[in-house]
C-alpha atoms as a PDB file:
ATOM      1  CA  UNK A   1      96.361 110.521  58.005  1.00  0.00           C
ATOM      2  CA  UNK A   2      94.474 113.502  56.542  1.00  0.00           C
ATOM      3  CA  UNK A   3      94.007 111.733  53.185  1.00  0.00           C
ATOM      4  CA  UNK A   4      92.665 108.570  54.836  1.00  0.00           C
ATOM      5  CA  UNK A   5      90.294 110.667  56.951  1.00  0.00           C
ATOM      6  CA  UNK A   6      88.945 112.531  53.941  1.00  0.00           C
ATOM      7  CA  UNK A   7      88.414 109.326  51.945  1.00  0.00           C
ATOM      8  CA  UNK A   8      86.520 107.631  54.765  1.00  0.00           C
ATOM      9  CA  UNK A   9      84.352 110.660  55.467  1.00  0.00           C
ATOM     10  CA  UNK A  10      83.608 111.218  51.762  1.00  0.00           C
ATOM     11  CA  UNK A  11      82.489 107.602  51.416  1.00  0.00           C
ATOM     12  CA  UNK A  12      79.997 107.997  54.225  1.00  0.00           C
ATOM     13  CA  UNK A  13      78.733 111.376  53.092  1.00  0.00           C
ATOM     14  CA  UNK A  14      78.500 110.710  49.329  1.00  0.00           C
ATOM     15  CA  UNK A  15      77.232 107.139  49.397  1.00  0.00           C
ATOM     16  CA  UNK A  16      80.263 105.158  48.170  1.00  0.00           C
ATOM     17  CA  UNK A  17      78.581 101.921  49.228  1.00  0.00           C
ATOM     18  CA  UNK A  18      81.611  99.622  49.223  1.00  0.00           C
ATOM     19  CA  UNK A  19      83.847 101.992  51.188  1.00  0.00           C
ATOM     20  CA  UNK A  20      80.961 103.166  53.373  1.00  0.00           C
ATOM     21  CA  UNK A  21      80.235  99.570  54.410  1.00  0.00           C
ATOM     22  CA  UNK A  22      83.910  99.123  55.146  1.00  0.00           C
ATOM     23  CA  UNK A  23      83.888 102.174  57.422  1.00  0.00           C
ATOM     24  CA  UNK A  24      80.611 101.110  59.057  1.00  0.00           C
ATOM     25  CA  UNK A  25      82.084  97.734  60.001  1.00  0.00           C
ATOM     26  CA  UNK A  26      85.596  98.948  60.806  1.00  0.00           C
ATOM     27  CA  UNK A  27      86.859  98.861  64.354  1.00  0.00           C
ATOM     28  CA  UNK A  28      89.762 101.293  63.977  1.00  0.00           C
ATOM     29  CA  UNK A  29      89.566 104.485  66.031  1.00  0.00           C
ATOM     30  CA  UNK A  30      89.462 106.825  63.042  1.00  0.00           C
ATOM     31  CA  UNK A  31      86.433 105.118  61.460  1.00  0.00           C
ATOM     32  CA  UNK A  32      84.598 104.955  64.779  1.00  0.00           C
ATOM     33  CA  UNK A  33      85.246 108.657  65.449  1.00  0.00           C
ATOM     34  CA  UNK A  34      84.140 109.704  61.962  1.00  0.00           C
ATOM     35  CA  UNK A  35      80.888 107.757  62.196  1.00  0.00           C
ATOM     36  CA  UNK A  36      80.173 108.961  65.746  1.00  0.00           C
ATOM     37  CA  UNK A  37      80.759 112.575  64.732  1.00  0.00           C
ATOM     38  CA  UNK A  38      78.474 112.272  61.693  1.00  0.00           C
ATOM     39  CA  UNK A  39      75.721 110.710  63.820  1.00  0.00           C
ATOM     40  CA  UNK A  40      76.111 113.266  66.630  1.00  0.00           C
ATOM     41  CA  UNK A  41      73.684 116.124  67.156  1.00  0.00           C
ATOM     42  CA  UNK A  42      74.695 119.533  65.821  1.00  0.00           C
ATOM     43  CA  UNK A  43      75.455 120.676  69.367  1.00  0.00           C
ATOM     44  CA  UNK A  44      77.857 117.793  69.993  1.00  0.00           C
ATOM     45  CA  UNK A  45      79.620 117.691  66.612  1.00  0.00           C
ATOM     46  CA  UNK A  46      83.297 118.653  66.515  1.00  0.00           C
ATOM     47  CA  UNK A  47      85.404 119.935  63.642  1.00  0.00           C
ATOM     48  CA  UNK A  48      87.327 117.634  61.298  1.00  0.00           C
ATOM     49  CA  UNK A  49      90.500 119.150  62.699  1.00  0.00           C
ATOM     50  CA  UNK A  50      89.554 118.039  66.194  1.00  0.00           C
ATOM     51  CA  UNK A  51      88.694 114.490  65.089  1.00  0.00           C
ATOM     52  CA  UNK A  52      92.073 114.220  63.386  1.00  0.00           C
ATOM     53  CA  UNK A  53      93.804 115.740  66.379  1.00  0.00           C
ATOM     54  CA  UNK A  54      92.327 113.158  68.728  1.00  0.00           C
ATOM     55  CA  UNK A  55      93.802 110.348  66.626  1.00  0.00           C
ATOM     56  CA  UNK A  56      97.108 111.748  65.433  1.00  0.00           C
ATOM     57  CA  UNK A  57      97.915 114.218  68.182  1.00  0.00           C
ATOM     58  CA  UNK A  58      98.637 116.918  65.618  1.00  0.00           C
ATOM     59  CA  UNK A  59      98.858 120.471  66.878  1.00  0.00           C
ATOM     60  CA  UNK A  60      95.600 122.395  66.864  1.00  0.00           C
ATOM     61  CA  UNK A  61      94.832 125.944  68.028  1.00  0.00           C
ATOM     62  CA  UNK A  62      91.476 124.724  69.327  1.00  0.00           C
ATOM     63  CA  UNK A  63      93.054 121.987  71.438  1.00  0.00           C
ATOM     64  CA  UNK A  64      95.921 123.458  73.459  1.00  0.00           C
ATOM     65  CA  UNK A  65      96.481 120.210  75.316  1.00  0.00           C
ATOM     66  CA  UNK A  66      95.524 117.290  73.080  1.00  0.00           C
ATOM     67  CA  UNK A  67      94.789 113.956  74.652  1.00  0.00           C
ATOM     68  CA  UNK A  68      95.097 111.910  71.504  1.00  0.00           C
ATOM     69  CA  UNK A  69      94.170 108.251  71.557  1.00  0.00           C
ATOM     70  CA  UNK A  70      97.557 107.198  70.234  1.00  0.00           C
ATOM     71  CA  UNK A  71      99.396 109.112  72.930  1.00  0.00           C
ATOM     72  CA  UNK A  72      97.019 107.862  75.627  1.00  0.00           C
ATOM     73  CA  UNK A  73      97.519 104.248  74.606  1.00  0.00           C
ATOM     74  CA  UNK A  74     101.313 104.305  74.482  1.00  0.00           C
ATOM     75  CA  UNK A  75     103.174 106.907  76.512  1.00  0.00           C
ATOM     76  CA  UNK A  76     100.731 106.962  79.410  1.00  0.00           C
ATOM     77  CA  UNK A  77     100.761 103.177  79.744  1.00  0.00           C
ATOM     78  CA  UNK A  78     104.542 102.906  79.590  1.00  0.00           C
ATOM     79  CA  UNK A  79     104.908 105.796  82.051  1.00  0.00           C
ATOM     80  CA  UNK A  80     102.478 104.147  84.477  1.00  0.00           C
ATOM     81  CA  UNK A  81     104.421 100.879  84.309  1.00  0.00           C
ATOM     82  CA  UNK A  82     107.723 102.697  84.815  1.00  0.00           C
ATOM     83  CA  UNK A  83     106.366 104.565  87.828  1.00  0.00           C
ATOM     84  CA  UNK A  84     104.965 101.348  89.326  1.00  0.00           C
ATOM     85  CA  UNK A  85     108.274  99.509  88.929  1.00  0.00           C
ATOM     86  CA  UNK A  86     110.154 102.442  90.462  1.00  0.00           C
ATOM     87  CA  UNK A  87     107.826 102.529  93.475  1.00  0.00           C
ATOM     88  CA  UNK A  88     108.094  98.762  93.951  1.00  0.00           C
ATOM     89  CA  UNK A  89     111.890  98.992  93.800  1.00  0.00           C
ATOM     90  CA  UNK A  90     111.871 101.728  96.437  1.00  0.00           C
ATOM     91  CA  UNK A  91     109.764  99.642  98.838  1.00  0.00           C
ATOM     92  CA  UNK A  92     111.082  96.045  98.783  1.00  0.00           C
ATOM     93  CA  UNK A  93     108.559  94.811 101.356  1.00  0.00           C
ATOM     94  CA  UNK A  94     105.661  95.753  99.090  1.00  0.00           C
ATOM     95  CA  UNK A  95     107.478  94.254  96.116  1.00  0.00           C
ATOM     96  CA  UNK A  96     107.903  90.970  97.991  1.00  0.00           C
ATOM     97  CA  UNK A  97     104.246  90.891  98.990  1.00  0.00           C
ATOM     98  CA  UNK A  98     103.166  91.450  95.391  1.00  0.00           C
ATOM     99  CA  UNK A  99     105.626  88.861  94.084  1.00  0.00           C
ATOM    100  CA  UNK A 100     104.289  86.289  96.548  1.00  0.00           C
ATOM    101  CA  UNK A 101     100.698  86.932  95.425  1.00  0.00           C
ATOM    102  CA  UNK A 102     101.600  86.629  91.727  1.00  0.00           C
ATOM    103  CA  UNK A 103     103.767  83.540  92.315  1.00  0.00           C
ATOM    104  CA  UNK A 104     100.964  81.794  94.187  1.00  0.00           C
ATOM    105  CA  UNK A 105      98.519  82.617  91.390  1.00  0.00           C
ATOM    106  CA  UNK A 106     100.895  81.310  88.716  1.00  0.00           C
ATOM    107  CA  UNK A 107     101.368  78.061  90.607  1.00  0.00           C
ATOM    108  CA  UNK A 108      97.598  77.678  90.970  1.00  0.00           C
ATOM    109  CA  UNK A 109      97.138  78.077  87.188  1.00  0.00           C
ATOM    110  CA  UNK A 110     100.208  76.112  86.180  1.00  0.00           C
ATOM    111  CA  UNK A 111     101.783  79.053  84.359  1.00  0.00           C
ATOM    112  CA  UNK A 112     100.317  82.208  82.863  1.00  0.00           C
ATOM    113  CA  UNK A 113      97.449  83.773  84.812  1.00  0.00           C
ATOM    114  CA  UNK A 114      94.216  84.332  82.835  1.00  0.00           C
ATOM    115  CA  UNK A 115      93.287  88.010  82.536  1.00  0.00           C
ATOM    116  CA  UNK A 116      90.125  87.764  84.648  1.00  0.00           C
ATOM    117  CA  UNK A 117      92.072  86.107  87.455  1.00  0.00           C
ATOM    118  CA  UNK A 118      94.979  88.538  87.146  1.00  0.00           C
ATOM    119  CA  UNK A 119      92.795  91.620  87.619  1.00  0.00           C
ATOM    120  CA  UNK A 120      91.126  89.925  90.579  1.00  0.00           C
ATOM    121  CA  UNK A 121      94.367  89.659  92.577  1.00  0.00           C
ATOM    122  CA  UNK A 122      93.629  91.998  95.515  1.00  0.00           C
ATOM    123  CA  UNK A 123      97.130  93.298  96.215  1.00  0.00           C
ATOM    124  CA  UNK A 124      97.972  93.648  92.511  1.00  0.00           C
ATOM    125  CA  UNK A 125      94.807  95.708  92.123  1.00  0.00           C
ATOM    126  CA  UNK A 126      95.719  97.808  95.168  1.00  0.00           C
ATOM    127  CA  UNK A 127      99.191  98.546  93.770  1.00  0.00           C
ATOM    128  CA  UNK A 128      97.706  99.704  90.452  1.00  0.00           C
ATOM    129  CA  UNK A 129      95.052 101.862  92.097  1.00  0.00           C
ATOM    130  CA  UNK A 130      97.475 103.505  94.488  1.00  0.00           C
ATOM    131  CA  UNK A 131     100.007 104.269  91.760  1.00  0.00           C
ATOM    132  CA  UNK A 132      97.335 105.893  89.581  1.00  0.00           C
ATOM    133  CA  UNK A 133      96.024 107.835  92.582  1.00  0.00           C
ATOM    134  CA  UNK A 134      99.364 109.318  93.567  1.00  0.00           C
ATOM    135  CA  UNK A 135     100.795 109.636  90.065  1.00  0.00           C
ATOM    136  CA  UNK A 136      97.960 110.105  87.536  1.00  0.00           C
ATOM    137  CA  UNK A 137      99.167 109.823  83.949  1.00  0.00           C
ATOM    138  CA  UNK A 138      97.515 113.161  83.114  1.00  0.00           C
ATOM    139  CA  UNK A 139      98.011 115.402  86.160  1.00  0.00           C
ATOM    140  CA  UNK A 140      95.998 118.338  84.795  1.00  0.00           C
ATOM    141  CA  UNK A 141      93.404 118.889  82.061  1.00  0.00           C
ATOM    142  CA  UNK A 142      92.126 122.161  80.548  1.00  0.00           C
ATOM    143  CA  UNK A 143      88.465 122.850  79.921  1.00  0.00           C
ATOM    144  CA  UNK A 144      86.394 125.809  78.698  1.00  0.00           C
ATOM    145  CA  UNK A 145      82.977 126.489  80.219  1.00  0.00           C
ATOM    146  CA  UNK A 146      80.210 126.375  77.613  1.00  0.00           C
ATOM    147  CA  UNK A 147      77.797 128.510  79.646  1.00  0.00           C
ATOM    148  CA  UNK A 148      77.619 130.566  82.834  1.00  0.00           C
ATOM    149  CA  UNK A 149      77.602 128.198  85.815  1.00  0.00           C
ATOM    150  CA  UNK A 150      77.649 128.364  89.583  1.00  0.00           C
ATOM    151  CA  UNK A 151      80.395 126.038  90.790  1.00  0.00           C
ATOM    152  CA  UNK A 152      79.797 124.628  94.310  1.00  0.00           C
ATOM    153  CA  UNK A 153      82.885 124.221  96.502  1.00  0.00           C
ATOM    154  CA  UNK A 154      83.694 121.232  98.676  1.00  0.00           C
ATOM    155  CA  UNK A 155      84.973 123.568 101.397  1.00  0.00           C
ATOM    156  CA  UNK A 156      84.271 127.320 101.725  1.00  0.00           C
ATOM    157  CA  UNK A 157      86.900 129.876 100.711  1.00  0.00           C
ATOM    158  CA  UNK A 158      87.352 133.540 101.520  1.00  0.00           C
ATOM    159  CA  UNK A 159      87.051 136.141  98.777  1.00  0.00           C
ATOM    160  CA  UNK A 160      89.201 139.250  98.406  1.00  0.00           C
ATOM    161  CA  UNK A 161      86.656 141.148 100.481  1.00  0.00           C
ATOM    162  CA  UNK A 162      86.951 138.647 103.316  1.00  0.00           C
ATOM    163  CA  UNK A 163      83.525 137.108 102.768  1.00  0.00           C
ATOM    164  CA  UNK A 164      83.197 133.336 102.975  1.00  0.00           C
ATOM    165  CA  UNK A 165      81.978 131.729  99.760  1.00  0.00           C
ATOM    166  CA  UNK A 166      80.549 128.252  99.229  1.00  0.00           C
ATOM    167  CA  UNK A 167      80.298 128.622  95.443  1.00  0.00           C
ATOM    168  CA  UNK A 168      81.771 130.763  92.689  1.00  0.00           C
ATOM    169  CA  UNK A 169      80.497 132.073  89.367  1.00  0.00           C
ATOM    170  CA  UNK A 170      82.252 130.686  86.289  1.00  0.00           C
ATOM    171  CA  UNK A 171      81.317 132.796  83.232  1.00  0.00           C
ATOM    172  CA  UNK A 172      80.883 131.279  79.792  1.00  0.00           C
ATOM    173  CA  UNK A 173      84.153 130.730  77.843  1.00  0.00           C
ATOM    174  CA  UNK A 174      86.274 130.725  81.007  1.00  0.00           C
ATOM    175  CA  UNK A 175      89.435 128.641  80.714  1.00  0.00           C
ATOM    176  CA  UNK A 176      89.574 126.146  83.579  1.00  0.00           C
ATOM    177  CA  UNK A 177      92.487 123.955  84.625  1.00  0.00           C
ATOM    178  CA  UNK A 178      91.415 120.869  86.564  1.00  0.00           C
ATOM    179  CA  UNK A 179      94.157 119.401  88.741  1.00  0.00           C
ATOM    180  CA  UNK A 180      93.566 115.651  88.774  1.00  0.00           C
ATOM    181  CA  UNK A 181      96.725 115.155  90.815  1.00  0.00           C
ATOM    182  CA  UNK A 182      95.637 117.515  93.598  1.00  0.00           C
ATOM    183  CA  UNK A 183      92.167 115.975  93.755  1.00  0.00           C
ATOM    184  CA  UNK A 184      93.673 112.511  94.130  1.00  0.00           C
ATOM    185  CA  UNK A 185      96.034 113.737  96.869  1.00  0.00           C
ATOM    186  CA  UNK A 186      93.617 115.916  98.857  1.00  0.00           C
ATOM    187  CA  UNK A 187      94.158 115.140 102.578  1.00  0.00           C
ATOM    188  CA  UNK A 188      90.573 116.220 103.322  1.00  0.00           C
ATOM    189  CA  UNK A 189      89.424 113.258 101.221  1.00  0.00           C
ATOM    190  CA  UNK A 190      92.225 110.717 101.518  1.00  0.00           C
ATOM    191  CA  UNK A 191      93.480 111.404 105.029  1.00  0.00           C
ATOM    192  CA  UNK A 192      96.731 112.770 106.467  1.00  0.00           C
ATOM    193  CA  UNK A 193      98.810 110.141 104.641  1.00  0.00           C
ATOM    194  CA  UNK A 194      97.466 111.189 101.229  1.00  0.00           C
ATOM    195  CA  UNK A 195     100.949 111.966  99.880  1.00  0.00           C
ATOM    196  CA  UNK A 196     102.281 108.509 100.760  1.00  0.00           C
ATOM    197  CA  UNK A 197     102.219 105.490  98.463  1.00  0.00           C
ATOM    198  CA  UNK A 198     100.305 102.913 100.481  1.00  0.00           C
ATOM    199  CA  UNK A 199      98.651 100.193  98.370  1.00  0.00           C
ATOM    200  CA  UNK A 200      97.177  98.658 101.517  1.00  0.00           C
ATOM    201  CA  UNK A 201      94.763 101.608 101.838  1.00  0.00           C
ATOM    202  CA  UNK A 202      92.679  99.924  99.114  1.00  0.00           C
ATOM    203  CA  UNK A 203      92.352  96.738 101.163  1.00  0.00           C
ATOM    204  CA  UNK A 204      90.355  98.492 103.878  1.00  0.00           C
ATOM    205  CA  UNK A 205      87.317 100.801 103.765  1.00  0.00           C
ATOM    206  CA  UNK A 206      88.105 104.166 102.199  1.00  0.00           C
ATOM    207  CA  UNK A 207      87.428 107.397 104.143  1.00  0.00           C
ATOM    208  CA  UNK A 208      83.762 108.380 104.386  1.00  0.00           C
ATOM    209  CA  UNK A 209      84.618 111.879 103.181  1.00  0.00           C
ATOM    210  CA  UNK A 210      85.791 110.376  99.888  1.00  0.00           C
ATOM    211  CA  UNK A 211      82.501 108.535  99.374  1.00  0.00           C
ATOM    212  CA  UNK A 212      80.537 111.681 100.147  1.00  0.00           C
ATOM    213  CA  UNK A 213      82.598 113.776  97.707  1.00  0.00           C
ATOM    214  CA  UNK A 214      81.258 111.747  94.740  1.00  0.00           C
ATOM    215  CA  UNK A 215      84.482 112.186  92.790  1.00  0.00           C
ATOM    216  CA  UNK A 216      83.457 112.259  89.094  1.00  0.00           C
ATOM    217  CA  UNK A 217      85.911 109.631  87.900  1.00  0.00           C
ATOM    218  CA  UNK A 218      85.289 106.302  86.193  1.00  0.00           C
ATOM    219  CA  UNK A 219      87.751 104.288  88.266  1.00  0.00           C
ATOM    220  CA  UNK A 220      87.722 103.749  92.001  1.00  0.00           C
ATOM    221  CA  UNK A 221      87.022 107.264  93.361  1.00  0.00           C
ATOM    222  CA  UNK A 222      89.899 108.607  91.269  1.00  0.00           C
ATOM    223  CA  UNK A 223      89.525 111.739  89.195  1.00  0.00           C
ATOM    224  CA  UNK A 224      91.025 110.997  85.824  1.00  0.00           C
END
């Protein structure tokens, strides 16, 4: 992997036109990452070691918990499917409801369900969302603050001196562990049944507190 990386990067940097054009047009993750890193501003550039780590998942002292693309595309997907099947097996009534929805859709299409129609099945979508809410594939992620920041809190906390605080100072280079799992299970946001697997919650309006929290996720109010 290291040799391939070096060849592709050298072609782009030194003007090997044939190989450079190949990299420019390539759709593999390594080529895309190399080109994006070269085109990035100096502030956003990452080391070659980090680019390689993101693809191969190799150990790196600068990335204590690597979320490599290969790992994310295989283990996390298979784990999510395994968890979903386990939950369906533990609640036969939900399994039957989902089977009925899928069976009806297959009959309507005379066989395999087109992707766009499959993802539009409301209960199927609810089952996927609820499984990812309760059992996120990456339960916790580490981060390091790049500058001093004041972090606002959703609810006030009491300091060691007994004073109530609505925000805390996070100094530059502080190691932070973000619990995706706890955010997705917070009863203040999801309600008193937040620890229960209930796909039907997605078929009705979600709690107002969740909308107001502006959870910084890319999928359905889920941090992840």
